[in-house]
Structures are given as C-alpha cells and as structure tokens.
Amino acid sequence: MKTDIHPNYKELSVTCSCGSQFVTKSTMSKDAFSIEVCSSCHPFYTGKQKIVDTAGRVDKFNQKFGGFFKR
C-alpha cells in the first residue's frame, strides 16, 4: 500500500455565531472554524420554528394556473 496518501485527520474547534462551541474532527488545515447556524440556535432543532401557512399561496396558484393542465 502507498504511504502518506491520506490527509491529516485532526480535531477542529467549531464556533457558532450564537456563542456555542464544539469540537469535531476534520481534514481542514485550520484549527478553528466559524459557522452562522448550529443545532443550538437553528429554529428546526430548537422547536421555535415558524409555520408558514401556504394555503393562500396554493389557492392563488390554482386560480391562476388551474385550467392550464386540464385537457
């Protein structure tokens, strides 16, 4: 087998804009990495998700293009 063909796999410190930090492993050459959204502040994971009512949009679409696909 060839030697020295695999990239270095080391620990990487990740910092979110909300202040949350965690350590993971990566092949990046940096020791630290900044992200904007993580599982601590993303609305899907925190349960503070805003539910968008698309019923009005669907009705508007059907009124506009409803007869277009009928044969």
PDB file of N, CA and C in Angstrom:
ATOM      1  N   MET A   1       0.817  -1.179   0.000  1.00  0.00           N
ATOM      2  CA  MET A   1       0.000   0.000   0.000  1.00  0.00           C
ATOM      3  C   MET A   1       0.866   1.249   0.000  1.00  0.00           C
ATOM      4  N   LYS A   2       0.360   2.310  -0.623  1.00  0.00           N
ATOM      5  CA  LYS A   2       1.101   3.567  -0.660  1.00  0.00           C
ATOM      6  C   LYS A   2       1.045   4.243   0.710  1.00  0.00           C
ATOM      7  N   THR A   3       2.127   4.866   1.051  1.00  0.00           N
ATOM      8  CA  THR A   3       2.181   5.589   2.319  1.00  0.00           C
ATOM      9  C   THR A   3       1.986   7.077   2.072  1.00  0.00           C
ATOM     10  N   ASP A   4       1.516   7.774   3.078  1.00  0.00           N
ATOM     11  CA  ASP A   4       1.335   9.231   3.052  1.00  0.00           C
ATOM     12  C   ASP A   4       0.393   9.719   1.943  1.00  0.00           C
ATOM     13  N   ILE A   5      -0.645   8.951   1.645  1.00  0.00           N
ATOM     14  CA  ILE A   5      -1.611   9.414   0.639  1.00  0.00           C
ATOM     15  C   ILE A   5      -2.877   9.952   1.291  1.00  0.00           C
ATOM     16  N   HIS A   6      -3.066   9.686   2.575  1.00  0.00           N
ATOM     17  CA  HIS A   6      -4.267  10.141   3.262  1.00  0.00           C
ATOM     18  C   HIS A   6      -4.038  11.508   3.891  1.00  0.00           C
ATOM     19  N   PRO A   7      -5.064  12.379   3.877  1.00  0.00           N
ATOM     20  CA  PRO A   7      -4.908  13.696   4.506  1.00  0.00           C
ATOM     21  C   PRO A   7      -4.863  13.568   6.028  1.00  0.00           C
ATOM     22  N   ASN A   8      -4.303  14.578   6.670  1.00  0.00           N
ATOM     23  CA  ASN A   8      -4.247  14.594   8.129  1.00  0.00           C
ATOM     24  C   ASN A   8      -5.653  14.777   8.684  1.00  0.00           C
ATOM     25  N   TYR A   9      -6.008  13.969   9.667  1.00  0.00           N
ATOM     26  CA  TYR A   9      -7.326  13.989  10.293  1.00  0.00           C
ATOM     27  C   TYR A   9      -7.134  14.431  11.729  1.00  0.00           C
ATOM     28  N   LYS A  10      -7.557  15.659  12.034  1.00  0.00           N
ATOM     29  CA  LYS A  10      -7.286  16.194  13.362  1.00  0.00           C
ATOM     30  C   LYS A  10      -8.519  16.878  13.934  1.00  0.00           C
ATOM     31  N   GLU A  11      -8.444  17.262  15.211  1.00  0.00           N
ATOM     32  CA  GLU A  11      -9.557  17.925  15.877  1.00  0.00           C
ATOM     33  C   GLU A  11      -9.700  19.366  15.379  1.00  0.00           C
ATOM     34  N   LEU A  12     -10.952  19.810  15.261  1.00  0.00           N
ATOM     35  CA  LEU A  12     -11.270  21.141  14.781  1.00  0.00           C
ATOM     36  C   LEU A  12     -12.270  21.763  15.743  1.00  0.00           C
ATOM     37  N   SER A  13     -11.989  22.949  16.222  1.00  0.00           N
ATOM     38  CA  SER A  13     -12.889  23.671  17.126  1.00  0.00           C
ATOM     39  C   SER A  13     -13.841  24.507  16.284  1.00  0.00           C
ATOM     40  N   VAL A  14     -15.145  24.283  16.455  1.00  0.00           N
ATOM     41  CA  VAL A  14     -16.171  24.987  15.691  1.00  0.00           C
ATOM     42  C   VAL A  14     -16.882  25.963  16.620  1.00  0.00           C
ATOM     43  N   THR A  15     -17.008  27.222  16.193  1.00  0.00           N
ATOM     44  CA  THR A  15     -17.680  28.256  16.966  1.00  0.00           C
ATOM     45  C   THR A  15     -18.835  28.820  16.154  1.00  0.00           C
ATOM     46  N   CYS A  16     -20.017  28.842  16.771  1.00  0.00           N
ATOM     47  CA  CYS A  16     -21.210  29.374  16.116  1.00  0.00           C
ATOM     48  C   CYS A  16     -21.366  30.850  16.471  1.00  0.00           C
ATOM     49  N   SER A  17     -22.135  31.578  15.667  1.00  0.00           N
ATOM     50  CA  SER A  17     -22.363  32.994  15.945  1.00  0.00           C
ATOM     51  C   SER A  17     -23.197  33.199  17.198  1.00  0.00           C
ATOM     52  N   CYS A  18     -23.913  32.155  17.661  1.00  0.00           N
ATOM     53  CA  CYS A  18     -24.706  32.262  18.894  1.00  0.00           C
ATOM     54  C   CYS A  18     -23.834  32.072  20.134  1.00  0.00           C
ATOM     55  N   GLY A  19     -22.585  31.693  19.955  1.00  0.00           N
ATOM     56  CA  GLY A  19     -21.663  31.508  21.068  1.00  0.00           C
ATOM     57  C   GLY A  19     -21.402  30.053  21.415  1.00  0.00           C
ATOM     58  N   SER A  20     -22.140  29.155  20.821  1.00  0.00           N
ATOM     59  CA  SER A  20     -21.957  27.727  21.079  1.00  0.00           C
ATOM     60  C   SER A  20     -20.659  27.243  20.442  1.00  0.00           C
ATOM     61  N   GLN A  21     -19.952  26.364  21.152  1.00  0.00           N
ATOM     62  CA  GLN A  21     -18.703  25.799  20.638  1.00  0.00           C
ATOM     63  C   GLN A  21     -18.710  24.297  20.801  1.00  0.00           C
ATOM     64  N   PHE A  22     -18.118  23.608  19.843  1.00  0.00           N
ATOM     65  CA  PHE A  22     -17.937  22.164  19.957  1.00  0.00           C
ATOM     66  C   PHE A  22     -16.713  21.749  19.171  1.00  0.00           C
ATOM     67  N   VAL A  23     -16.242  20.557  19.442  1.00  0.00           N
ATOM     68  CA  VAL A  23     -15.037  20.034  18.797  1.00  0.00           C
ATOM     69  C   VAL A  23     -15.433  18.838  17.946  1.00  0.00           C
ATOM     70  N   THR A  24     -14.920  18.800  16.733  1.00  0.00           N
ATOM     71  CA  THR A  24     -15.159  17.687  15.825  1.00  0.00           C
ATOM     72  C   THR A  24     -13.837  17.354  15.147  1.00  0.00           C
ATOM     73  N   LYS A  25     -13.848  16.372  14.301  1.00  0.00           N
ATOM     74  CA  LYS A  25     -12.631  16.003  13.571  1.00  0.00           C
ATOM     75  C   LYS A  25     -12.821  16.334  12.099  1.00  0.00           C
ATOM     76  N   SER A  26     -11.739  16.761  11.463  1.00  0.00           N
ATOM     77  CA  SER A  26     -11.814  17.174  10.073  1.00  0.00           C
ATOM     78  C   SER A  26     -10.439  17.080   9.416  1.00  0.00           C
ATOM     79  N   THR A  27     -10.435  17.203   8.118  1.00  0.00           N
ATOM     80  CA  THR A  27      -9.180  17.233   7.359  1.00  0.00           C
ATOM     81  C   THR A  27      -8.796  18.662   6.987  1.00  0.00           C
ATOM     82  N   MET A  28      -9.519  19.646   7.507  1.00  0.00           N
ATOM     83  CA  MET A  28      -9.189  21.045   7.241  1.00  0.00           C
ATOM     84  C   MET A  28      -7.826  21.377   7.837  1.00  0.00           C
ATOM     85  N   SER A  29      -7.151  22.311   7.205  1.00  0.00           N
ATOM     86  CA  SER A  29      -5.836  22.696   7.703  1.00  0.00           C
ATOM     87  C   SER A  29      -5.921  23.674   8.864  1.00  0.00           C
ATOM     88  N   LYS A  30      -7.103  24.283   9.073  1.00  0.00           N
ATOM     89  CA  LYS A  30      -7.282  25.235  10.181  1.00  0.00           C
ATOM     90  C   LYS A  30      -7.500  24.493  11.499  1.00  0.00           C
ATOM     91  N   ASP A  31      -7.287  25.200  12.612  1.00  0.00           N
ATOM     92  CA  ASP A  31      -7.559  24.651  13.931  1.00  0.00           C
ATOM     93  C   ASP A  31      -8.920  25.096  14.449  1.00  0.00           C
ATOM     94  N   ALA A  32      -9.472  26.191  13.880  1.00  0.00           N
ATOM     95  CA  ALA A  32     -10.767  26.723  14.305  1.00  0.00           C
ATOM     96  C   ALA A  32     -11.593  27.069  13.075  1.00  0.00           C
ATOM     97  N   PHE A  33     -12.930  27.009  13.241  1.00  0.00           N
ATOM     98  CA  PHE A  33     -13.845  27.261  12.138  1.00  0.00           C
ATOM     99  C   PHE A  33     -15.073  27.966  12.690  1.00  0.00           C
ATOM    100  N   SER A  34     -15.577  28.982  12.009  1.00  0.00           N
ATOM    101  CA  SER A  34     -16.755  29.726  12.443  1.00  0.00           C
ATOM    102  C   SER A  34     -17.941  29.405  11.539  1.00  0.00           C
ATOM    103  N   ILE A  35     -19.117  29.211  12.160  1.00  0.00           N
ATOM    104  CA  ILE A  35     -20.336  28.956  11.412  1.00  0.00           C
ATOM    105  C   ILE A  35     -21.400  29.948  11.864  1.00  0.00           C
ATOM    106  N   GLU A  36     -22.442  30.145  11.053  1.00  0.00           N
ATOM    107  CA  GLU A  36     -23.503  31.089  11.382  1.00  0.00           C
ATOM    108  C   GLU A  36     -24.647  30.420  12.142  1.00  0.00           C
ATOM    109  N   VAL A  37     -24.945  29.163  11.828  1.00  0.00           N
ATOM    110  CA  VAL A  37     -26.083  28.474  12.434  1.00  0.00           C
ATOM    111  C   VAL A  37     -25.640  27.079  12.854  1.00  0.00           C
ATOM    112  N   CYS A  38     -26.057  26.676  14.071  1.00  0.00           N
ATOM    113  CA  CYS A  38     -25.757  25.331  14.552  1.00  0.00           C
ATOM    114  C   CYS A  38     -27.044  24.717  15.111  1.00  0.00           C
ATOM    115  N   SER A  39     -26.953  23.519  15.624  1.00  0.00           N
ATOM    116  CA  SER A  39     -28.138  22.848  16.154  1.00  0.00           C
ATOM    117  C   SER A  39     -28.638  23.499  17.439  1.00  0.00           C
ATOM    118  N   SER A  40     -27.833  24.329  18.074  1.00  0.00           N
ATOM    119  CA  SER A  40     -28.262  25.013  19.296  1.00  0.00           C
ATOM    120  C   SER A  40     -29.136  26.229  19.009  1.00  0.00           C
ATOM    121  N   CYS A  41     -28.997  26.813  17.825  1.00  0.00           N
ATOM    122  CA  CYS A  41     -29.756  28.030  17.532  1.00  0.00           C
ATOM    123  C   CYS A  41     -30.639  27.920  16.285  1.00  0.00           C
ATOM    124  N   HIS A  42     -30.579  26.821  15.540  1.00  0.00           N
ATOM    125  CA  HIS A  42     -31.403  26.672  14.347  1.00  0.00           C
ATOM    126  C   HIS A  42     -32.857  26.438  14.755  1.00  0.00           C
ATOM    127  N   PRO A  43     -33.812  27.148  14.139  1.00  0.00           N
ATOM    128  CA  PRO A  43     -35.227  27.025  14.536  1.00  0.00           C
ATOM    129  C   PRO A  43     -35.773  25.600  14.439  1.00  0.00           C
ATOM    130  N   PHE A  44     -35.310  24.816  13.519  1.00  0.00           N
ATOM    131  CA  PHE A  44     -35.816  23.448  13.385  1.00  0.00           C
ATOM    132  C   PHE A  44     -35.464  22.613  14.610  1.00  0.00           C
ATOM    133  N   TYR A  45     -34.271  22.767  15.129  1.00  0.00           N
ATOM    134  CA  TYR A  45     -33.818  21.971  16.268  1.00  0.00           C
ATOM    135  C   TYR A  45     -34.285  22.532  17.609  1.00  0.00           C
ATOM    136  N   THR A  46     -34.510  23.841  17.688  1.00  0.00           N
ATOM    137  CA  THR A  46     -34.904  24.441  18.958  1.00  0.00           C
ATOM    138  C   THR A  46     -36.410  24.369  19.204  1.00  0.00           C
ATOM    139  N   GLY A  47     -37.194  24.071  18.173  1.00  0.00           N
ATOM    140  CA  GLY A  47     -38.644  23.995  18.324  1.00  0.00           C
ATOM    141  C   GLY A  47     -39.321  25.342  18.216  1.00  0.00           C
ATOM    142  N   LYS A  48     -38.587  26.382  17.909  1.00  0.00           N
ATOM    143  CA  LYS A  48     -39.155  27.718  17.754  1.00  0.00           C
ATOM    144  C   LYS A  48     -39.375  28.031  16.285  1.00  0.00           C
ATOM    145  N   GLN A  49     -39.759  27.009  15.555  1.00  0.00           N
ATOM    146  CA  GLN A  49     -39.937  27.121  14.123  1.00  0.00           C
ATOM    147  C   GLN A  49     -41.231  27.847  13.808  1.00  0.00           C
ATOM    148  N   LYS A  50     -41.180  28.724  12.849  1.00  0.00           N
ATOM    149  CA  LYS A  50     -42.344  29.452  12.399  1.00  0.00           C
ATOM    150  C   LYS A  50     -43.029  28.622  11.317  1.00  0.00           C
ATOM    151  N   ILE A  51     -44.302  28.342  11.503  1.00  0.00           N
ATOM    152  CA  ILE A  51     -45.039  27.574  10.498  1.00  0.00           C
ATOM    153  C   ILE A  51     -45.676  28.554   9.527  1.00  0.00           C
ATOM    154  N   VAL A  52     -45.359  28.391   8.260  1.00  0.00           N
ATOM    155  CA  VAL A  52     -45.856  29.284   7.232  1.00  0.00           C
ATOM    156  C   VAL A  52     -47.107  28.670   6.631  1.00  0.00           C
ATOM    157  N   ASP A  53     -48.176  29.425   6.612  1.00  0.00           N
ATOM    158  CA  ASP A  53     -49.433  28.958   6.035  1.00  0.00           C
ATOM    159  C   ASP A  53     -49.382  29.195   4.534  1.00  0.00           C
ATOM    160  N   THR A  54     -49.280  28.108   3.789  1.00  0.00           N
ATOM    161  CA  THR A  54     -49.170  28.222   2.335  1.00  0.00           C
ATOM    162  C   THR A  54     -50.503  27.994   1.636  1.00  0.00           C
ATOM    163  N   ALA A  55     -51.582  27.843   2.379  1.00  0.00           N
ATOM    164  CA  ALA A  55     -52.884  27.575   1.760  1.00  0.00           C
ATOM    165  C   ALA A  55     -53.284  28.707   0.833  1.00  0.00           C
ATOM    166  N   GLY A  56     -53.056  29.930   1.232  1.00  0.00           N
ATOM    167  CA  GLY A  56     -53.393  31.063   0.377  1.00  0.00           C
ATOM    168  C   GLY A  56     -52.574  31.082  -0.894  1.00  0.00           C
ATOM    169  N   ARG A  57     -51.352  30.705  -0.811  1.00  0.00           N
ATOM    170  CA  ARG A  57     -50.482  30.669  -1.991  1.00  0.00           C
ATOM    171  C   ARG A  57     -50.908  29.567  -2.952  1.00  0.00           C
ATOM    172  N   VAL A  58     -51.293  28.423  -2.399  1.00  0.00           N
ATOM    173  CA  VAL A  58     -51.719  27.308  -3.246  1.00  0.00           C
ATOM    174  C   VAL A  58     -53.015  27.667  -3.958  1.00  0.00           C
ATOM    175  N   ASP A  59     -53.950  28.282  -3.250  1.00  0.00           N
ATOM    176  CA  ASP A  59     -55.212  28.694  -3.872  1.00  0.00           C
ATOM    177  C   ASP A  59     -54.966  29.717  -4.976  1.00  0.00           C
ATOM    178  N   LYS A  60     -54.077  30.643  -4.729  1.00  0.00           N
ATOM    179  CA  LYS A  60     -53.756  31.656  -5.734  1.00  0.00           C
ATOM    180  C   LYS A  60     -53.138  31.001  -6.974  1.00  0.00           C
ATOM    181  N   PHE A  61     -52.258  30.025  -6.748  1.00  0.00           N
ATOM    182  CA  PHE A  61     -51.642  29.315  -7.859  1.00  0.00           C
ATOM    183  C   PHE A  61     -52.689  28.542  -8.656  1.00  0.00           C
ATOM    184  N   ASN A  62     -53.593  27.856  -7.951  1.00  0.00           N
ATOM    185  CA  ASN A  62     -54.633  27.083  -8.635  1.00  0.00           C
ATOM    186  C   ASN A  62     -55.584  27.974  -9.410  1.00  0.00           C
ATOM    187  N   GLN A  63     -55.881  29.167  -8.898  1.00  0.00           N
ATOM    188  CA  GLN A  63     -56.734  30.093  -9.638  1.00  0.00           C
ATOM    189  C   GLN A  63     -56.038  30.582 -10.899  1.00  0.00           C
ATOM    190  N   LYS A  64     -54.756  30.791 -10.792  1.00  0.00           N
ATOM    191  CA  LYS A  64     -54.007  31.330 -11.920  1.00  0.00           C
ATOM    192  C   LYS A  64     -53.734  30.269 -12.987  1.00  0.00           C
ATOM    193  N   PHE A  65     -53.346  29.050 -12.551  1.00  0.00           N
ATOM    194  CA  PHE A  65     -52.925  28.017 -13.495  1.00  0.00           C
ATOM    195  C   PHE A  65     -53.794  26.764 -13.435  1.00  0.00           C
ATOM    196  N   GLY A  66     -54.927  26.803 -12.761  1.00  0.00           N
ATOM    197  CA  GLY A  66     -55.757  25.619 -12.568  1.00  0.00           C
ATOM    198  C   GLY A  66     -56.258  25.001 -13.871  1.00  0.00           C
ATOM    199  N   GLY A  67     -56.683  25.816 -14.809  1.00  0.00           N
ATOM    200  CA  GLY A  67     -57.219  25.302 -16.074  1.00  0.00           C
ATOM    201  C   GLY A  67     -56.148  25.008 -17.106  1.00  0.00           C
ATOM    202  N   PHE A  68     -54.922  25.306 -16.809  1.00  0.00           N
ATOM    203  CA  PHE A  68     -53.833  25.144 -17.765  1.00  0.00           C
ATOM    204  C   PHE A  68     -53.542  23.684 -18.061  1.00  0.00           C
ATOM    205  N   PHE A  69     -53.646  22.817 -17.058  1.00  0.00           N
ATOM    206  CA  PHE A  69     -53.276  21.422 -17.233  1.00  0.00           C
ATOM    207  C   PHE A  69     -54.448  20.522 -17.590  1.00  0.00           C
ATOM    208  N   LYS A  70     -55.666  21.051 -17.611  1.00  0.00           N
ATOM    209  CA  LYS A  70     -56.822  20.231 -17.973  1.00  0.00           C
ATOM    210  C   LYS A  70     -56.870  20.053 -19.473  1.00  0.00           C
ATOM    211  N   ARG A  71     -57.309  18.880 -19.864  1.00  0.00           N
ATOM    212  CA  ARG A  71     -57.384  18.598 -21.317  1.00  0.00           C
ATOM    213  C   ARG A  71     -58.788  18.707 -21.804  1.00  0.00           C
TER     214      ARG A  71
END
